[in-house]
Amino acid sequence: MMMVPPQHDTWVELTPEELPIAAIYDWVLDPEAGAVVLFSGTVRDHAEHRTGVTQLVYEAYESEVGARLADIAGEMRQRWPSVRKAALLHRVGTLCLTESSVVVAASAPHRDAAFEAARFGIDTLKATVPIWKQEHHDGGTDWGLQSQPIAQVPGS
């Protein structure tokens, strides 16, 4: 199933589908923006104190995720008013090595705002959105070490 980008300036989504990196990049382009920053978090073969990671399984409190992602996009715009478009997409389900689990993108007239907004977006998403990962590795299966509720948004 192909994801369809929105017609407005914010794209937030939780999906079991492969994240369309090129489509997200194309969507975030804007004639008034001279900078696009796109961060893609991918599944790697190790985690803190864990080697031989083979896959991750993401679960989410789905009814909460969309609103939280939209709030983060709104905060990106409040802190960096020149942001033209913002995208925050995350996968759920089983992901193999090198697959993208999360994408955050921002476009702005200048690189400082695009970099800072995208950095804030991914850091805040990881700290506050109820998405958890289970790691399958050499030593067994465990929930990611950062799978914990965090009440405060970083930098607030």
C-alpha atoms as a PDB file:
ATOM      1  CA  MET A   1       0.000   0.000   0.000  1.00  0.00           C
ATOM      2  CA  MET A   2       1.485   3.332  -1.086  1.00  0.00           C
ATOM      3  CA  MET A   3       1.360   6.158   1.434  1.00  0.00           C
ATOM      4  CA  VAL A   4      -0.077   9.370   0.049  1.00  0.00           C
ATOM      5  CA  PRO A   5       1.500  12.615   1.263  1.00  0.00           C
ATOM      6  CA  PRO A   6      -0.875  15.251   2.598  1.00  0.00           C
ATOM      7  CA  GLN A   7      -1.818  18.394   0.709  1.00  0.00           C
ATOM      8  CA  HIS A   8      -0.795  20.663   3.595  1.00  0.00           C
ATOM      9  CA  ASP A   9       2.598  21.430   5.183  1.00  0.00           C
ATOM     10  CA  THR A  10       2.753  18.665   7.826  1.00  0.00           C
ATOM     11  CA  TRP A  11       3.024  14.913   7.229  1.00  0.00           C
ATOM     12  CA  VAL A  12       2.734  12.726  10.316  1.00  0.00           C
ATOM     13  CA  GLU A  13       2.079   9.013  10.125  1.00  0.00           C
ATOM     14  CA  LEU A  14       2.420   5.719  11.960  1.00  0.00           C
ATOM     15  CA  THR A  15       2.450   2.824   9.520  1.00  0.00           C
ATOM     16  CA  PRO A  16       3.385  -0.829   9.089  1.00  0.00           C
ATOM     17  CA  GLU A  17       4.469   0.013   5.523  1.00  0.00           C
ATOM     18  CA  GLU A  18       8.018   0.656   4.330  1.00  0.00           C
ATOM     19  CA  LEU A  19       8.828   4.354   4.705  1.00  0.00           C
ATOM     20  CA  PRO A  20       9.095   6.012   1.282  1.00  0.00           C
ATOM     21  CA  ILE A  21      12.316   7.992   1.825  1.00  0.00           C
ATOM     22  CA  ALA A  22      12.486   9.491  -1.677  1.00  0.00           C
ATOM     23  CA  ALA A  23       8.803  10.458  -1.614  1.00  0.00           C
ATOM     24  CA  ILE A  24       9.221  12.121   1.788  1.00  0.00           C
ATOM     25  CA  TYR A  25      12.208  14.072   0.477  1.00  0.00           C
ATOM     26  CA  ASP A  26      10.308  15.136  -2.654  1.00  0.00           C
ATOM     27  CA  TRP A  27       7.288  16.143  -0.572  1.00  0.00           C
ATOM     28  CA  VAL A  28       9.289  18.292   1.874  1.00  0.00           C
ATOM     29  CA  LEU A  29      10.845  20.324  -0.978  1.00  0.00           C
ATOM     30  CA  ASP A  30       9.462  23.830  -1.197  1.00  0.00           C
ATOM     31  CA  PRO A  31      10.273  26.694  -3.599  1.00  0.00           C
ATOM     32  CA  GLU A  32      10.886  29.021  -0.619  1.00  0.00           C
ATOM     33  CA  ALA A  33      13.241  26.569   1.101  1.00  0.00           C
ATOM     34  CA  GLY A  34      16.938  26.480   0.369  1.00  0.00           C
ATOM     35  CA  ALA A  35      17.548  23.700   2.885  1.00  0.00           C
ATOM     36  CA  VAL A  36      16.101  20.236   3.412  1.00  0.00           C
ATOM     37  CA  VAL A  37      17.236  18.031   6.273  1.00  0.00           C
ATOM     38  CA  LEU A  38      16.009  14.447   6.297  1.00  0.00           C
ATOM     39  CA  PHE A  39      16.934  12.078   9.122  1.00  0.00           C
ATOM     40  CA  SER A  40      16.312   8.368   8.684  1.00  0.00           C
ATOM     41  CA  GLY A  41      16.797   6.068  11.665  1.00  0.00           C
ATOM     42  CA  THR A  42      17.685   2.567  10.490  1.00  0.00           C
ATOM     43  CA  VAL A  43      17.905  -0.841  12.121  1.00  0.00           C
ATOM     44  CA  ARG A  44      21.529  -1.654  12.956  1.00  0.00           C
ATOM     45  CA  ASP A  45      23.236  -4.867  14.055  1.00  0.00           C
ATOM     46  CA  HIS A  46      23.942  -3.757  17.633  1.00  0.00           C
ATOM     47  CA  ALA A  47      22.445  -1.787  20.496  1.00  0.00           C
ATOM     48  CA  GLU A  48      23.752  -0.643  23.849  1.00  0.00           C
ATOM     49  CA  HIS A  49      25.395  -3.732  25.426  1.00  0.00           C
ATOM     50  CA  ARG A  50      23.765  -5.995  22.802  1.00  0.00           C
ATOM     51  CA  THR A  51      25.455  -7.545  19.770  1.00  0.00           C
ATOM     52  CA  GLY A  52      24.115  -9.541  16.879  1.00  0.00           C
ATOM     53  CA  VAL A  53      20.840  -7.665  16.564  1.00  0.00           C
ATOM     54  CA  THR A  54      18.900  -9.274  13.694  1.00  0.00           C
ATOM     55  CA  GLN A  55      15.586  -7.429  13.801  1.00  0.00           C
ATOM     56  CA  LEU A  56      13.472  -4.973  15.742  1.00  0.00           C
ATOM     57  CA  VAL A  57       9.775  -5.154  16.453  1.00  0.00           C
ATOM     58  CA  TYR A  58       8.051  -1.816  17.044  1.00  0.00           C
ATOM     59  CA  GLU A  59       4.801  -1.435  18.946  1.00  0.00           C
ATOM     60  CA  ALA A  60       2.920   1.778  19.641  1.00  0.00           C
ATOM     61  CA  TYR A  61       0.050   3.203  21.609  1.00  0.00           C
ATOM     62  CA  GLU A  62      -1.517   3.959  18.250  1.00  0.00           C
ATOM     63  CA  SER A  63      -4.387   6.191  19.370  1.00  0.00           C
ATOM     64  CA  GLU A  64      -1.870   8.622  20.917  1.00  0.00           C
ATOM     65  CA  VAL A  65       0.889   8.691  18.292  1.00  0.00           C
ATOM     66  CA  GLY A  66      -0.709  10.894  15.618  1.00  0.00           C
ATOM     67  CA  ALA A  67      -1.557  13.711  18.010  1.00  0.00           C
ATOM     68  CA  ARG A  68       1.894  13.577  19.600  1.00  0.00           C
ATOM     69  CA  LEU A  69       3.626  13.712  16.216  1.00  0.00           C
ATOM     70  CA  ALA A  70       1.433  16.660  15.196  1.00  0.00           C
ATOM     71  CA  ASP A  71       2.307  18.433  18.459  1.00  0.00           C
ATOM     72  CA  ILE A  72       6.014  17.977  17.737  1.00  0.00           C
ATOM     73  CA  ALA A  73       5.578  19.385  14.223  1.00  0.00           C
ATOM     74  CA  GLY A  74       3.721  22.341  15.725  1.00  0.00           C
ATOM     75  CA  GLU A  75       6.506  22.924  18.228  1.00  0.00           C
ATOM     76  CA  MET A  76       9.077  22.743  15.413  1.00  0.00           C
ATOM     77  CA  ARG A  77       7.207  25.570  13.683  1.00  0.00           C
ATOM     78  CA  GLN A  78       6.829  27.604  16.858  1.00  0.00           C
ATOM     79  CA  ARG A  79      10.556  27.414  17.643  1.00  0.00           C
ATOM     80  CA  TRP A  80      11.670  27.834  14.001  1.00  0.00           C
ATOM     81  CA  PRO A  81       8.919  29.866  12.286  1.00  0.00           C
ATOM     82  CA  SER A  82      10.695  29.699   8.922  1.00  0.00           C
ATOM     83  CA  VAL A  83      10.106  25.926   8.633  1.00  0.00           C
ATOM     84  CA  ARG A  84       8.107  25.391   5.442  1.00  0.00           C
ATOM     85  CA  LYS A  85       7.276  21.674   5.698  1.00  0.00           C
ATOM     86  CA  ALA A  86       7.744  19.100   8.442  1.00  0.00           C
ATOM     87  CA  ALA A  87       7.440  15.309   8.248  1.00  0.00           C
ATOM     88  CA  LEU A  88       7.525  12.785  11.099  1.00  0.00           C
ATOM     89  CA  LEU A  89       6.810   9.171  10.141  1.00  0.00           C
ATOM     90  CA  HIS A  90       7.410   5.991  12.153  1.00  0.00           C
ATOM     91  CA  ARG A  91       6.951   2.318  11.405  1.00  0.00           C
ATOM     92  CA  VAL A  92       5.436  -0.414  13.521  1.00  0.00           C
ATOM     93  CA  GLY A  93       5.878  -4.142  13.106  1.00  0.00           C
ATOM     94  CA  THR A  94       8.958  -6.228  12.354  1.00  0.00           C
ATOM     95  CA  LEU A  95      11.916  -4.508  10.695  1.00  0.00           C
ATOM     96  CA  CYS A  96      15.110  -6.126   9.410  1.00  0.00           C
ATOM     97  CA  LEU A  97      18.639  -4.733   9.334  1.00  0.00           C
ATOM     98  CA  THR A  98      19.043  -1.477   7.359  1.00  0.00           C
ATOM     99  CA  GLU A  99      15.295  -0.785   7.150  1.00  0.00           C
ATOM    100  CA  SER A 100      14.174   2.719   8.145  1.00  0.00           C
ATOM    101  CA  SER A 101      12.106   2.799  11.301  1.00  0.00           C
ATOM    102  CA  VAL A 102      11.671   6.560  11.544  1.00  0.00           C
ATOM    103  CA  VAL A 103      12.008   9.583   9.274  1.00  0.00           C
ATOM    104  CA  VAL A 104      11.983  13.214  10.312  1.00  0.00           C
ATOM    105  CA  ALA A 105      12.366  15.919   7.686  1.00  0.00           C
ATOM    106  CA  ALA A 106      12.224  19.700   7.682  1.00  0.00           C
ATOM    107  CA  SER A 107      12.587  22.315   4.979  1.00  0.00           C
ATOM    108  CA  ALA A 108      13.395  25.972   5.613  1.00  0.00           C
ATOM    109  CA  PRO A 109      14.926  28.914   3.760  1.00  0.00           C
ATOM    110  CA  HIS A 110      18.259  28.386   5.583  1.00  0.00           C
ATOM    111  CA  ARG A 111      20.141  25.333   6.855  1.00  0.00           C
ATOM    112  CA  ASP A 112      20.359  26.352  10.529  1.00  0.00           C
ATOM    113  CA  ALA A 113      16.588  26.271  10.988  1.00  0.00           C
ATOM    114  CA  ALA A 114      16.214  23.049   8.978  1.00  0.00           C
ATOM    115  CA  PHE A 115      18.955  21.251  10.954  1.00  0.00           C
ATOM    116  CA  GLU A 116      17.766  22.485  14.343  1.00  0.00           C
ATOM    117  CA  ALA A 117      14.097  21.727  13.660  1.00  0.00           C
ATOM    118  CA  ALA A 118      14.855  18.212  12.385  1.00  0.00           C
ATOM    119  CA  ARG A 119      17.127  17.511  15.372  1.00  0.00           C
ATOM    120  CA  PHE A 120      14.457  18.709  17.772  1.00  0.00           C
ATOM    121  CA  GLY A 121      11.886  16.605  15.916  1.00  0.00           C
ATOM    122  CA  ILE A 122      13.739  13.297  16.195  1.00  0.00           C
ATOM    123  CA  ASP A 123      14.961  13.901  19.753  1.00  0.00           C
ATOM    124  CA  THR A 124      11.485  14.834  20.974  1.00  0.00           C
ATOM    125  CA  LEU A 125       9.826  11.972  19.086  1.00  0.00           C
ATOM    126  CA  LYS A 126      12.171   9.426  20.670  1.00  0.00           C
ATOM    127  CA  ALA A 127      11.693  10.898  24.145  1.00  0.00           C
ATOM    128  CA  THR A 128       7.939  11.470  24.198  1.00  0.00           C
ATOM    129  CA  VAL A 129       5.990   9.445  21.629  1.00  0.00           C
ATOM    130  CA  PRO A 130       4.670   6.100  22.958  1.00  0.00           C
ATOM    131  CA  ILE A 131       6.519   3.783  20.562  1.00  0.00           C
ATOM    132  CA  TRP A 132       8.568   0.877  21.881  1.00  0.00           C
ATOM    133  CA  LYS A 133      11.046  -1.480  20.279  1.00  0.00           C
ATOM    134  CA  GLN A 134      11.856  -5.079  20.994  1.00  0.00           C
ATOM    135  CA  GLU A 135      15.364  -6.139  19.969  1.00  0.00           C
ATOM    136  CA  HIS A 136      16.150  -9.655  18.744  1.00  0.00           C
ATOM    137  CA  HIS A 137      19.879 -10.293  19.294  1.00  0.00           C
ATOM    138  CA  ASP A 138      22.581 -12.861  20.100  1.00  0.00           C
ATOM    139  CA  GLY A 139      21.559 -13.034  23.749  1.00  0.00           C
ATOM    140  CA  GLY A 140      17.818 -13.330  23.195  1.00  0.00           C
ATOM    141  CA  THR A 141      14.989 -10.841  22.951  1.00  0.00           C
ATOM    142  CA  ASP A 142      14.618  -7.702  25.040  1.00  0.00           C
ATOM    143  CA  TRP A 143      12.774  -4.430  24.967  1.00  0.00           C
ATOM    144  CA  GLY A 144      14.982  -1.490  24.026  1.00  0.00           C
ATOM    145  CA  LEU A 145      16.721   0.161  26.961  1.00  0.00           C
ATOM    146  CA  GLN A 146      14.977   3.470  26.274  1.00  0.00           C
ATOM    147  CA  SER A 147      11.475   1.959  26.379  1.00  0.00           C
ATOM    148  CA  GLN A 148      10.171   4.006  29.245  1.00  0.00           C
ATOM    149  CA  PRO A 149       7.579   6.706  29.731  1.00  0.00           C
ATOM    150  CA  ILE A 150       9.014  10.213  29.680  1.00  0.00           C
ATOM    151  CA  ALA A 151       6.720  13.051  30.653  1.00  0.00           C
ATOM    152  CA  GLN A 152       8.775  16.115  29.721  1.00  0.00           C
ATOM    153  CA  VAL A 153       9.648  17.276  26.209  1.00  0.00           C
ATOM    154  CA  PRO A 154      13.419  17.903  25.867  1.00  0.00           C
ATOM    155  CA  GLY A 155      14.297  21.581  25.810  1.00  0.00           C
ATOM    156  CA  SER A 156      11.001  22.739  27.308  1.00  0.00           C
END
